[in-house]
C-alpha atoms as a PDB file:
ATOM      1  CA  UNK A   1      -0.276  -0.108  -0.050  1.00  0.00           C
ATOM      2  CA  UNK A   2       3.044   2.588   0.929  1.00  0.00           C
ATOM      3  CA  UNK A   3       4.318   1.965  -2.138  1.00  0.00           C
ATOM      4  CA  UNK A   4       1.468   2.634  -4.235  1.00  0.00           C
ATOM      5  CA  UNK A   5       0.582   5.980  -2.016  1.00  0.00           C
ATOM      6  CA  UNK A   6       4.001   7.208  -2.564  1.00  0.00           C
ATOM      7  CA  UNK A   7       4.026   9.221  -5.651  1.00  0.00           C
ATOM      8  CA  UNK A   8       7.739   9.490  -5.563  1.00  0.00           C
ATOM      9  CA  UNK A   9       9.847   7.770  -7.847  1.00  0.00           C
ATOM     10  CA  UNK A  10      11.903   4.655  -6.153  1.00  0.00           C
ATOM     11  CA  UNK A  11      14.918   5.696  -4.146  1.00  0.00           C
ATOM     12  CA  UNK A  12      18.416   4.114  -2.901  1.00  0.00           C
ATOM     13  CA  UNK A  13      19.242   6.526  -0.232  1.00  0.00           C
ATOM     14  CA  UNK A  14      20.158   7.242   2.448  1.00  0.00           C
ATOM     15  CA  UNK A  15      16.976   9.170   2.858  1.00  0.00           C
ATOM     16  CA  UNK A  16      15.190   5.731   2.286  1.00  0.00           C
ATOM     17  CA  UNK A  17      16.632   3.723   4.647  1.00  0.00           C
ATOM     18  CA  UNK A  18      18.364   3.632   7.985  1.00  0.00           C
ATOM     19  CA  UNK A  19      20.760   0.571   6.936  1.00  0.00           C
ATOM     20  CA  UNK A  20      21.624   3.301   4.307  1.00  0.00           C
ATOM     21  CA  UNK A  21      22.580   5.608   6.936  1.00  0.00           C
ATOM     22  CA  UNK A  22      23.951   3.298   9.974  1.00  0.00           C
ATOM     23  CA  UNK A  23      25.535   0.065   9.751  1.00  0.00           C
ATOM     24  CA  UNK A  24      26.233  -0.936  13.367  1.00  0.00           C
ATOM     25  CA  UNK A  25      22.741  -0.839  16.208  1.00  0.00           C
ATOM     26  CA  UNK A  26      22.302  -1.284  20.080  1.00  0.00           C
ATOM     27  CA  UNK A  27      21.397  -4.698  19.595  1.00  0.00           C
ATOM     28  CA  UNK A  28      22.094  -7.680  16.390  1.00  0.00           C
ATOM     29  CA  UNK A  29      19.252  -7.790  14.236  1.00  0.00           C
ATOM     30  CA  UNK A  30      17.288  -9.982  13.247  1.00  0.00           C
ATOM     31  CA  UNK A  31      15.133 -10.204   9.901  1.00  0.00           C
ATOM     32  CA  UNK A  32      11.800 -10.190  11.574  1.00  0.00           C
ATOM     33  CA  UNK A  33      13.023  -6.946  13.120  1.00  0.00           C
ATOM     34  CA  UNK A  34      15.065  -5.355  10.221  1.00  0.00           C
ATOM     35  CA  UNK A  35      11.123  -6.200   8.168  1.00  0.00           C
ATOM     36  CA  UNK A  36       9.289  -4.504  10.302  1.00  0.00           C
ATOM     37  CA  UNK A  37      12.047  -1.347  10.370  1.00  0.00           C
ATOM     38  CA  UNK A  38      11.833  -1.391   6.359  1.00  0.00           C
ATOM     39  CA  UNK A  39       8.062  -1.010   6.739  1.00  0.00           C
ATOM     40  CA  UNK A  40       7.963   1.927   9.379  1.00  0.00           C
ATOM     41  CA  UNK A  41      11.120   3.647   7.161  1.00  0.00           C
ATOM     42  CA  UNK A  42       8.442   3.285   4.157  1.00  0.00           C
ATOM     43  CA  UNK A  43       5.982   4.235   5.764  1.00  0.00           C
ATOM     44  CA  UNK A  44       7.548   7.265   6.984  1.00  0.00           C
ATOM     45  CA  UNK A  45       8.716   8.460   3.706  1.00  0.00           C
ATOM     46  CA  UNK A  46       4.218   8.002   2.563  1.00  0.00           C
ATOM     47  CA  UNK A  47       3.941   9.808   4.932  1.00  0.00           C
ATOM     48  CA  UNK A  48       5.961  12.941   4.189  1.00  0.00           C
ATOM     49  CA  UNK A  49       5.450  12.883   0.636  1.00  0.00           C
ATOM     50  CA  UNK A  50       1.466  12.821   1.576  1.00  0.00           C
ATOM     51  CA  UNK A  51       2.073  15.799   3.963  1.00  0.00           C
ATOM     52  CA  UNK A  52       3.848  17.752   1.742  1.00  0.00           C
ATOM     53  CA  UNK A  53       0.770  17.229  -0.724  1.00  0.00           C
ATOM     54  CA  UNK A  54      -1.761  18.020   1.860  1.00  0.00           C
ATOM     55  CA  UNK A  55      -0.036  20.981   2.667  1.00  0.00           C
ATOM     56  CA  UNK A  56       1.143  20.186   6.163  1.00  0.00           C
ATOM     57  CA  UNK A  57       3.972  21.383   8.324  1.00  0.00           C
ATOM     58  CA  UNK A  58       5.743  18.809  10.343  1.00  0.00           C
ATOM     59  CA  UNK A  59       8.475  20.675  11.057  1.00  0.00           C
ATOM     60  CA  UNK A  60      10.488  20.020  14.143  1.00  0.00           C
ATOM     61  CA  UNK A  61       9.248  22.220  17.057  1.00  0.00           C
ATOM     62  CA  UNK A  62      11.842  21.228  19.391  1.00  0.00           C
ATOM     63  CA  UNK A  63      15.259  22.277  19.621  1.00  0.00           C
ATOM     64  CA  UNK A  64      18.782  19.681  19.312  1.00  0.00           C
ATOM     65  CA  UNK A  65      19.844  18.762  22.427  1.00  0.00           C
ATOM     66  CA  UNK A  66      23.981  17.194  23.267  1.00  0.00           C
ATOM     67  CA  UNK A  67      25.189  13.970  25.412  1.00  0.00           C
ATOM     68  CA  UNK A  68      27.024  16.920  26.800  1.00  0.00           C
ATOM     69  CA  UNK A  69      24.368  18.666  28.042  1.00  0.00           C
ATOM     70  CA  UNK A  70      23.113  17.332  31.477  1.00  0.00           C
ATOM     71  CA  UNK A  71      19.845  14.763  31.219  1.00  0.00           C
ATOM     72  CA  UNK A  72      18.347  15.912  33.678  1.00  0.00           C
ATOM     73  CA  UNK A  73      18.135  19.178  33.099  1.00  0.00           C
ATOM     74  CA  UNK A  74      17.279  18.986  29.507  1.00  0.00           C
ATOM     75  CA  UNK A  75      14.167  16.060  31.454  1.00  0.00           C
ATOM     76  CA  UNK A  76      12.927  19.238  33.541  1.00  0.00           C
ATOM     77  CA  UNK A  77      13.026  21.764  30.363  1.00  0.00           C
ATOM     78  CA  UNK A  78      11.985  19.639  28.229  1.00  0.00           C
ATOM     79  CA  UNK A  79       8.346  18.433  30.863  1.00  0.00           C
ATOM     80  CA  UNK A  80       7.065  21.596  30.806  1.00  0.00           C
ATOM     81  CA  UNK A  81       6.174  20.892  26.590  1.00  0.00           C
ATOM     82  CA  UNK A  82       5.970  16.935  27.009  1.00  0.00           C
ATOM     83  CA  UNK A  83       4.745  16.232  30.000  1.00  0.00           C
ATOM     84  CA  UNK A  84       0.847  15.225  30.411  1.00  0.00           C
ATOM     85  CA  UNK A  85      -1.292  15.130  33.062  1.00  0.00           C
ATOM     86  CA  UNK A  86      -0.750  12.630  34.351  1.00  0.00           C
ATOM     87  CA  UNK A  87      -2.934   9.085  34.799  1.00  0.00           C
ATOM     88  CA  UNK A  88      -2.737   5.709  36.733  1.00  0.00           C
ATOM     89  CA  UNK A  89      -3.424   4.278  34.245  1.00  0.00           C
ATOM     90  CA  UNK A  90      -0.395   2.838  32.707  1.00  0.00           C
ATOM     91  CA  UNK A  91      -2.214   2.681  29.248  1.00  0.00           C
ATOM     92  CA  UNK A  92      -3.982   5.796  29.366  1.00  0.00           C
ATOM     93  CA  UNK A  93      -0.840   7.502  30.683  1.00  0.00           C
ATOM     94  CA  UNK A  94       0.958   5.992  27.189  1.00  0.00           C
ATOM     95  CA  UNK A  95      -2.040   7.372  25.093  1.00  0.00           C
ATOM     96  CA  UNK A  96      -1.518  11.108  26.976  1.00  0.00           C
ATOM     97  CA  UNK A  97       2.173  10.576  26.206  1.00  0.00           C
ATOM     98  CA  UNK A  98       1.641  10.070  22.339  1.00  0.00           C
ATOM     99  CA  UNK A  99      -1.430  13.086  22.314  1.00  0.00           C
ATOM    100  CA  UNK A 100       1.239  15.409  23.630  1.00  0.00           C
ATOM    101  CA  UNK A 101       4.125  14.266  20.918  1.00  0.00           C
ATOM    102  CA  UNK A 102       2.185  14.467  18.603  1.00  0.00           C
ATOM    103  CA  UNK A 103       1.497  18.621  19.409  1.00  0.00           C
ATOM    104  CA  UNK A 104       4.505  19.089  19.455  1.00  0.00           C
ATOM    105  CA  UNK A 105       4.938  17.346  15.761  1.00  0.00           C
ATOM    106  CA  UNK A 106       6.623  14.146  17.124  1.00  0.00           C
ATOM    107  CA  UNK A 107       5.163  11.298  15.207  1.00  0.00           C
ATOM    108  CA  UNK A 108       4.071   7.453  17.704  1.00  0.00           C
ATOM    109  CA  UNK A 109       3.517   4.511  16.036  1.00  0.00           C
ATOM    110  CA  UNK A 110       3.048   0.828  17.451  1.00  0.00           C
ATOM    111  CA  UNK A 111       3.543  -1.790  16.097  1.00  0.00           C
ATOM    112  CA  UNK A 112       1.583  -5.446  17.270  1.00  0.00           C
ATOM    113  CA  UNK A 113       3.096  -8.700  16.966  1.00  0.00           C
ATOM    114  CA  UNK A 114       0.540 -11.885  17.186  1.00  0.00           C
ATOM    115  CA  UNK A 115       1.061 -14.221  20.122  1.00  0.00           C
ATOM    116  CA  UNK A 116       1.347 -17.102  16.990  1.00  0.00           C
ATOM    117  CA  UNK A 117       4.254 -14.934  15.639  1.00  0.00           C
ATOM    118  CA  UNK A 118       6.865 -17.605  14.730  1.00  0.00           C
ATOM    119  CA  UNK A 119       9.965 -15.434  14.579  1.00  0.00           C
ATOM    120  CA  UNK A 120      10.090 -12.288  17.223  1.00  0.00           C
ATOM    121  CA  UNK A 121      11.436  -8.978  16.655  1.00  0.00           C
ATOM    122  CA  UNK A 122      13.976  -8.690  18.988  1.00  0.00           C
ATOM    123  CA  UNK A 123      13.499  -4.978  19.813  1.00  0.00           C
ATOM    124  CA  UNK A 124      11.636  -2.492  21.375  1.00  0.00           C
ATOM    125  CA  UNK A 125      11.591   0.537  19.889  1.00  0.00           C
ATOM    126  CA  UNK A 126      13.289   2.533  17.552  1.00  0.00           C
ATOM    127  CA  UNK A 127      13.614   6.096  15.738  1.00  0.00           C
ATOM    128  CA  UNK A 128      13.735   7.399  12.753  1.00  0.00           C
ATOM    129  CA  UNK A 129      14.814  11.618  11.552  1.00  0.00           C
ATOM    130  CA  UNK A 130      13.412  13.321  11.906  1.00  0.00           C
ATOM    131  CA  UNK A 131      10.087  12.585  13.791  1.00  0.00           C
ATOM    132  CA  UNK A 132       9.162   9.328  13.435  1.00  0.00           C
ATOM    133  CA  UNK A 133       9.267   7.145  16.967  1.00  0.00           C
ATOM    134  CA  UNK A 134       8.245   3.388  16.759  1.00  0.00           C
ATOM    135  CA  UNK A 135       7.192   1.017  19.466  1.00  0.00           C
ATOM    136  CA  UNK A 136       6.424  -3.042  20.341  1.00  0.00           C
ATOM    137  CA  UNK A 137       3.637  -3.013  21.828  1.00  0.00           C
ATOM    138  CA  UNK A 138       4.837  -4.426  25.333  1.00  0.00           C
ATOM    139  CA  UNK A 139       1.353  -6.998  26.406  1.00  0.00           C
ATOM    140  CA  UNK A 140       3.105  -7.975  29.740  1.00  0.00           C
ATOM    141  CA  UNK A 141       3.952  -3.853  30.455  1.00  0.00           C
ATOM    142  CA  UNK A 142       3.008  -1.221  29.513  1.00  0.00           C
ATOM    143  CA  UNK A 143       5.332   0.313  32.472  1.00  0.00           C
ATOM    144  CA  UNK A 144       8.017  -0.724  29.736  1.00  0.00           C
ATOM    145  CA  UNK A 145       6.436   1.127  26.301  1.00  0.00           C
ATOM    146  CA  UNK A 146       6.902   3.756  28.107  1.00  0.00           C
ATOM    147  CA  UNK A 147      10.060   3.803  28.953  1.00  0.00           C
ATOM    148  CA  UNK A 148      10.886   2.695  25.863  1.00  0.00           C
ATOM    149  CA  UNK A 149       9.236   5.706  24.319  1.00  0.00           C
ATOM    150  CA  UNK A 150      11.308   8.481  26.509  1.00  0.00           C
ATOM    151  CA  UNK A 151      14.493   6.725  26.071  1.00  0.00           C
ATOM    152  CA  UNK A 152      13.998   6.690  22.885  1.00  0.00           C
ATOM    153  CA  UNK A 153      12.627  10.920  22.205  1.00  0.00           C
ATOM    154  CA  UNK A 154      15.995  11.087  23.765  1.00  0.00           C
ATOM    155  CA  UNK A 155      17.936   9.540  20.980  1.00  0.00           C
ATOM    156  CA  UNK A 156      15.057  12.299  18.960  1.00  0.00           C
ATOM    157  CA  UNK A 157      16.043  15.105  21.256  1.00  0.00           C
ATOM    158  CA  UNK A 158      20.412  14.684  20.863  1.00  0.00           C
ATOM    159  CA  UNK A 159      18.935  13.623  17.039  1.00  0.00           C
ATOM    160  CA  UNK A 160      21.099  10.188  16.955  1.00  0.00           C
ATOM    161  CA  UNK A 161      19.115   7.291  15.215  1.00  0.00           C
ATOM    162  CA  UNK A 162      18.766   3.813  17.043  1.00  0.00           C
ATOM    163  CA  UNK A 163      17.221   0.425  17.401  1.00  0.00           C
ATOM    164  CA  UNK A 164      17.426  -1.489  19.647  1.00  0.00           C
ATOM    165  CA  UNK A 165      16.060  -3.249  22.416  1.00  0.00           C
ATOM    166  CA  UNK A 166      15.570  -2.063  25.983  1.00  0.00           C
ATOM    167  CA  UNK A 167      17.247  -4.191  27.941  1.00  0.00           C
ATOM    168  CA  UNK A 168      16.395  -2.301  32.270  1.00  0.00           C
ATOM    169  CA  UNK A 169      19.642  -3.975  33.683  1.00  0.00           C
ATOM    170  CA  UNK A 170      21.766  -2.194  31.109  1.00  0.00           C
ATOM    171  CA  UNK A 171      20.540   1.144  33.340  1.00  0.00           C
ATOM    172  CA  UNK A 172      23.406  -0.066  36.193  1.00  0.00           C
ATOM    173  CA  UNK A 173      25.689  -1.001  33.081  1.00  0.00           C
ATOM    174  CA  UNK A 174      29.062   0.945  31.971  1.00  0.00           C
ATOM    175  CA  UNK A 175      29.315  -1.029  29.484  1.00  0.00           C
ATOM    176  CA  UNK A 176      27.452   0.830  27.322  1.00  0.00           C
ATOM    177  CA  UNK A 177      27.891   3.880  25.033  1.00  0.00           C
ATOM    178  CA  UNK A 178      26.915   7.712  26.124  1.00  0.00           C
ATOM    179  CA  UNK A 179      24.993   8.683  24.138  1.00  0.00           C
ATOM    180  CA  UNK A 180      22.877   4.730  25.933  1.00  0.00           C
ATOM    181  CA  UNK A 181      23.275   5.995  29.093  1.00  0.00           C
ATOM    182  CA  UNK A 182      22.153   9.495  28.435  1.00  0.00           C
ATOM    183  CA  UNK A 183      19.327   8.264  26.898  1.00  0.00           C
ATOM    184  CA  UNK A 184      18.926   5.960  30.209  1.00  0.00           C
ATOM    185  CA  UNK A 185      19.057   9.212  32.467  1.00  0.00           C
ATOM    186  CA  UNK A 186      16.916  11.032  30.520  1.00  0.00           C
ATOM    187  CA  UNK A 187      14.393   9.006  31.263  1.00  0.00           C
ATOM    188  CA  UNK A 188      14.785   8.152  34.573  1.00  0.00           C
ATOM    189  CA  UNK A 189      14.838  11.849  35.480  1.00  0.00           C
ATOM    190  CA  UNK A 190      11.502  13.215  32.727  1.00  0.00           C
ATOM    191  CA  UNK A 191       9.567  10.126  34.458  1.00  0.00           C
ATOM    192  CA  UNK A 192      10.655  10.502  38.167  1.00  0.00           C
ATOM    193  CA  UNK A 193      10.853  14.585  38.254  1.00  0.00           C
ATOM    194  CA  UNK A 194      10.865  15.544  41.827  1.00  0.00           C
ATOM    195  CA  UNK A 195      10.165  12.366  43.512  1.00  0.00           C
ATOM    196  CA  UNK A 196      13.804  11.717  42.937  1.00  0.00           C
ATOM    197  CA  UNK A 197      14.577  13.643  45.653  1.00  0.00           C
ATOM    198  CA  UNK A 198      12.604  11.136  47.329  1.00  0.00           C
ATOM    199  CA  UNK A 199      14.291   8.507  46.357  1.00  0.00           C
ATOM    200  CA  UNK A 200      18.515   9.788  46.208  1.00  0.00           C
ATOM    201  CA  UNK A 201      17.748   9.964  50.086  1.00  0.00           C
ATOM    202  CA  UNK A 202      16.831   5.583  50.304  1.00  0.00           C
ATOM    203  CA  UNK A 203      19.950   4.214  51.688  1.00  0.00           C
ATOM    204  CA  UNK A 204      21.547   0.614  51.503  1.00  0.00           C
ATOM    205  CA  UNK A 205      18.385  -1.156  51.041  1.00  0.00           C
ATOM    206  CA  UNK A 206      18.500  -5.090  52.383  1.00  0.00           C
ATOM    207  CA  UNK A 207      16.508  -7.283  54.612  1.00  0.00           C
ATOM    208  CA  UNK A 208      16.625  -5.258  57.445  1.00  0.00           C
ATOM    209  CA  UNK A 209      14.825  -2.539  56.113  1.00  0.00           C
ATOM    210  CA  UNK A 210      12.422  -4.627  53.621  1.00  0.00           C
ATOM    211  CA  UNK A 211      14.701  -2.819  50.979  1.00  0.00           C
ATOM    212  CA  UNK A 212      12.359   0.328  50.445  1.00  0.00           C
ATOM    213  CA  UNK A 213      10.062  -1.506  49.279  1.00  0.00           C
ATOM    214  CA  UNK A 214       7.163   0.329  50.098  1.00  0.00           C
ATOM    215  CA  UNK A 215       8.365   3.413  49.325  1.00  0.00           C
ATOM    216  CA  UNK A 216      10.155   1.768  45.308  1.00  0.00           C
ATOM    217  CA  UNK A 217       6.014   0.369  45.343  1.00  0.00           C
ATOM    218  CA  UNK A 218       4.985   4.436  45.683  1.00  0.00           C
ATOM    219  CA  UNK A 219       7.580   5.868  43.338  1.00  0.00           C
ATOM    220  CA  UNK A 220       7.002   3.502  40.847  1.00  0.00           C
ATOM    221  CA  UNK A 221       3.163   3.968  41.112  1.00  0.00           C
ATOM    222  CA  UNK A 222       3.601   7.707  40.691  1.00  0.00           C
ATOM    223  CA  UNK A 223       5.824   7.875  37.427  1.00  0.00           C
ATOM    224  CA  UNK A 224       5.435   4.320  36.290  1.00  0.00           C
ATOM    225  CA  UNK A 225       8.478   3.390  36.245  1.00  0.00           C
ATOM    226  CA  UNK A 226       9.183  -0.425  36.555  1.00  0.00           C
ATOM    227  CA  UNK A 227       9.734  -1.420  40.087  1.00  0.00           C
ATOM    228  CA  UNK A 228      13.176  -3.425  39.068  1.00  0.00           C
ATOM    229  CA  UNK A 229      13.689  -0.945  36.604  1.00  0.00           C
ATOM    230  CA  UNK A 230      14.132   1.612  40.199  1.00  0.00           C
ATOM    231  CA  UNK A 231      15.513  -1.674  41.867  1.00  0.00           C
ATOM    232  CA  UNK A 232      18.759  -1.492  38.873  1.00  0.00           C
ATOM    233  CA  UNK A 233      19.392   2.381  39.339  1.00  0.00           C
ATOM    234  CA  UNK A 234      19.997   1.405  43.229  1.00  0.00           C
ATOM    235  CA  UNK A 235      22.232  -1.273  41.964  1.00  0.00           C
ATOM    236  CA  UNK A 236      23.796   1.595  39.577  1.00  0.00           C
ATOM    237  CA  UNK A 237      24.035   4.125  42.861  1.00  0.00           C
ATOM    238  CA  UNK A 238      25.507   0.775  44.723  1.00  0.00           C
ATOM    239  CA  UNK A 239      22.427   1.201  47.431  1.00  0.00           C
ATOM    240  CA  UNK A 240      21.768  -2.845  47.222  1.00  0.00           C
ATOM    241  CA  UNK A 241      24.288  -5.249  46.579  1.00  0.00           C
ATOM    242  CA  UNK A 242      24.129  -7.123  43.658  1.00  0.00           C
ATOM    243  CA  UNK A 243      23.254 -11.021  45.358  1.00  0.00           C
ATOM    244  CA  UNK A 244      20.144  -8.899  47.253  1.00  0.00           C
ATOM    245  CA  UNK A 245      19.313  -7.434  43.645  1.00  0.00           C
ATOM    246  CA  UNK A 246      19.175 -10.603  41.396  1.00  0.00           C
ATOM    247  CA  UNK A 247      17.106 -11.746  44.645  1.00  0.00           C
ATOM    248  CA  UNK A 248      14.670  -9.175  43.570  1.00  0.00           C
ATOM    249  CA  UNK A 249      14.676  -9.468  39.701  1.00  0.00           C
ATOM    250  CA  UNK A 250      14.283 -13.372  40.084  1.00  0.00           C
ATOM    251  CA  UNK A 251      11.525 -13.080  42.897  1.00  0.00           C
ATOM    252  CA  UNK A 252      10.162 -10.611  39.759  1.00  0.00           C
ATOM    253  CA  UNK A 253      10.328 -13.090  36.926  1.00  0.00           C
ATOM    254  CA  UNK A 254       8.820 -16.121  38.379  1.00  0.00           C
ATOM    255  CA  UNK A 255       6.159 -13.993  39.395  1.00  0.00           C
ATOM    256  CA  UNK A 256       5.563 -12.688  36.093  1.00  0.00           C
ATOM    257  CA  UNK A 257       6.564 -16.306  35.018  1.00  0.00           C
ATOM    258  CA  UNK A 258       2.935 -17.299  37.384  1.00  0.00           C
ATOM    259  CA  UNK A 259       0.585 -15.360  35.895  1.00  0.00           C
ATOM    260  CA  UNK A 260       1.208 -16.006  32.377  1.00  0.00           C
ATOM    261  CA  UNK A 261       0.360 -19.635  33.236  1.00  0.00           C
ATOM    262  CA  UNK A 262      -2.549 -18.860  34.871  1.00  0.00           C
ATOM    263  CA  UNK A 263      -3.540 -16.503  31.655  1.00  0.00           C
ATOM    264  CA  UNK A 264      -2.471 -19.869  29.582  1.00  0.00           C
ATOM    265  CA  UNK A 265      -5.034 -22.012  32.030  1.00  0.00           C
ATOM    266  CA  UNK A 266      -7.356 -19.555  31.693  1.00  0.00           C
ATOM    267  CA  UNK A 267      -7.980 -19.305  28.375  1.00  0.00           C
ATOM    268  CA  UNK A 268      -8.480 -23.584  28.632  1.00  0.00           C
ATOM    269  CA  UNK A 269     -10.965 -23.301  31.142  1.00  0.00           C
ATOM    270  CA  UNK A 270     -12.750 -21.005  29.413  1.00  0.00           C
ATOM    271  CA  UNK A 271     -11.980 -23.276  25.654  1.00  0.00           C
ATOM    272  CA  UNK A 272     -13.421 -25.576  27.694  1.00  0.00           C
ATOM    273  CA  UNK A 273     -16.269 -23.787  28.738  1.00  0.00           C
ATOM    274  CA  UNK A 274     -17.622 -22.191  25.547  1.00  0.00           C
ATOM    275  CA  UNK A 275     -16.490 -18.934  25.999  1.00  0.00           C
ATOM    276  CA  UNK A 276     -15.067 -17.609  23.000  1.00  0.00           C
ATOM    277  CA  UNK A 277     -11.568 -16.598  22.816  1.00  0.00           C
ATOM    278  CA  UNK A 278     -10.604 -13.382  24.049  1.00  0.00           C
ATOM    279  CA  UNK A 279      -7.458 -13.117  23.182  1.00  0.00           C
ATOM    280  CA  UNK A 280      -7.097 -11.777  19.680  1.00  0.00           C
ATOM    281  CA  UNK A 281      -4.375  -9.402  19.015  1.00  0.00           C
ATOM    282  CA  UNK A 282      -4.502  -5.962  19.844  1.00  0.00           C
ATOM    283  CA  UNK A 283      -4.990  -2.559  17.651  1.00  0.00           C
ATOM    284  CA  UNK A 284      -2.657  -0.090  17.705  1.00  0.00           C
ATOM    285  CA  UNK A 285      -2.517   3.107  19.146  1.00  0.00           C
ATOM    286  CA  UNK A 286      -2.831   5.387  16.772  1.00  0.00           C
ATOM    287  CA  UNK A 287      -1.706   8.279  17.432  1.00  0.00           C
ATOM    288  CA  UNK A 288      -3.575  12.369  16.446  1.00  0.00           C
ATOM    289  CA  UNK A 289      -0.602  13.493  14.138  1.00  0.00           C
ATOM    290  CA  UNK A 290      -0.630  10.208  12.122  1.00  0.00           C
ATOM    291  CA  UNK A 291      -5.347  10.454  11.871  1.00  0.00           C
ATOM    292  CA  UNK A 292      -4.741  14.027  11.130  1.00  0.00           C
ATOM    293  CA  UNK A 293      -2.044  13.054   8.434  1.00  0.00           C
ATOM    294  CA  UNK A 294      -4.461  10.971   6.852  1.00  0.00           C
ATOM    295  CA  UNK A 295      -7.614  12.866   7.070  1.00  0.00           C
ATOM    296  CA  UNK A 296      -6.102  16.395   5.322  1.00  0.00           C
ATOM    297  CA  UNK A 297      -4.939  14.112   2.622  1.00  0.00           C
ATOM    298  CA  UNK A 298      -8.259  13.031   1.833  1.00  0.00           C
ATOM    299  CA  UNK A 299      -9.841  16.084   1.937  1.00  0.00           C
ATOM    300  CA  UNK A 300      -6.688  17.007  -0.274  1.00  0.00           C
ATOM    301  CA  UNK A 301      -7.704  13.979  -2.878  1.00  0.00           C
ATOM    302  CA  UNK A 302      -3.841  12.361  -1.969  1.00  0.00           C
ATOM    303  CA  UNK A 303      -6.318   9.616  -1.145  1.00  0.00           C
ATOM    304  CA  UNK A 304      -8.966   7.552  -1.030  1.00  0.00           C
ATOM    305  CA  UNK A 305     -11.292   6.014   1.983  1.00  0.00           C
ATOM    306  CA  UNK A 306      -9.923   2.423   1.635  1.00  0.00           C
ATOM    307  CA  UNK A 307      -6.581   4.155   2.106  1.00  0.00           C
ATOM    308  CA  UNK A 308      -7.297   4.928   4.643  1.00  0.00           C
ATOM    309  CA  UNK A 309      -9.340   2.152   6.578  1.00  0.00           C
ATOM    310  CA  UNK A 310      -5.286   0.622   5.361  1.00  0.00           C
ATOM    311  CA  UNK A 311      -3.214   2.911   7.519  1.00  0.00           C
ATOM    312  CA  UNK A 312      -5.414   3.185  10.526  1.00  0.00           C
ATOM    313  CA  UNK A 313      -6.644   0.047  10.411  1.00  0.00           C
ATOM    314  CA  UNK A 314     -10.167   0.667  11.081  1.00  0.00           C
ATOM    315  CA  UNK A 315     -12.827  -1.090   9.310  1.00  0.00           C
ATOM    316  CA  UNK A 316     -14.761   0.705   6.812  1.00  0.00           C
ATOM    317  CA  UNK A 317     -18.103   1.678   9.202  1.00  0.00           C
ATOM    318  CA  UNK A 318     -15.379   3.167  11.345  1.00  0.00           C
ATOM    319  CA  UNK A 319     -14.960   5.754   9.059  1.00  0.00           C
ATOM    320  CA  UNK A 320     -17.142   7.888   9.565  1.00  0.00           C
ATOM    321  CA  UNK A 321     -15.803   8.627  13.028  1.00  0.00           C
ATOM    322  CA  UNK A 322     -12.780   9.824  11.375  1.00  0.00           C
ATOM    323  CA  UNK A 323     -13.475  11.808   9.042  1.00  0.00           C
ATOM    324  CA  UNK A 324     -17.036  14.209   9.923  1.00  0.00           C
END
């Protein structure tokens, strides 16, 4: 679809693919990941052409920063423009972030993997110049997706493209690049803000103080930073031993494994009881910037109703909602 939407002739250039612009990435990409990146690169080029034909301005509105600048200072500054009203539900907070990013001409796109796909992507997100951030839908944790989004926002702010799989343990890894360290620190301060003052007051976390679990839980709930991300930051600050950290991490992983097993068992029980299978693949969130671009393109006659449905992944009966 994107090939036919693009009014330009096919090109092979640095503008056409990140794989021409960069040769090394933070993750050793598998075939499926490369396919997804190419898919969104083509989509980005198509949208850019459509925007020009529809006379839309999607130029960058925020300044470019450098990793020589303090990530905490940059985070405090950027929060004034990109931090939405806080919502205690992670999914809705993510939606609010995507909306306010759109207001600042940053296009956030999601992709959702089918649960029965043979080869899974080994990436969580990526940033494509000039203004596109792509996220993998994290069914297990919207907090992880939120952190990925803000990490990729860091890449956008310093204008450094990247494709990567984010490992929370890397928050405490001194071997990662200075760019990745900057983006991790920026994401932490953007989400934590004033609660960092409470976090910094934490002394050594051990069994005698229950690893400050109540405080960590409260900070997690009020920032959408995951508890394991906060414990990992304590490890980075030498406020928890490696042995205690590994024990906590293993406990979180075991809890997650049990929850997944319970979901599988419940699905089997529902099948036996004749209940409909609710395990369908969810639809990705549509950025308001994507919707407005497609609407303008339709009104200008650049695309037709079928193209609108395919691009926004909606059924024809929902078309009127988007083209009023």
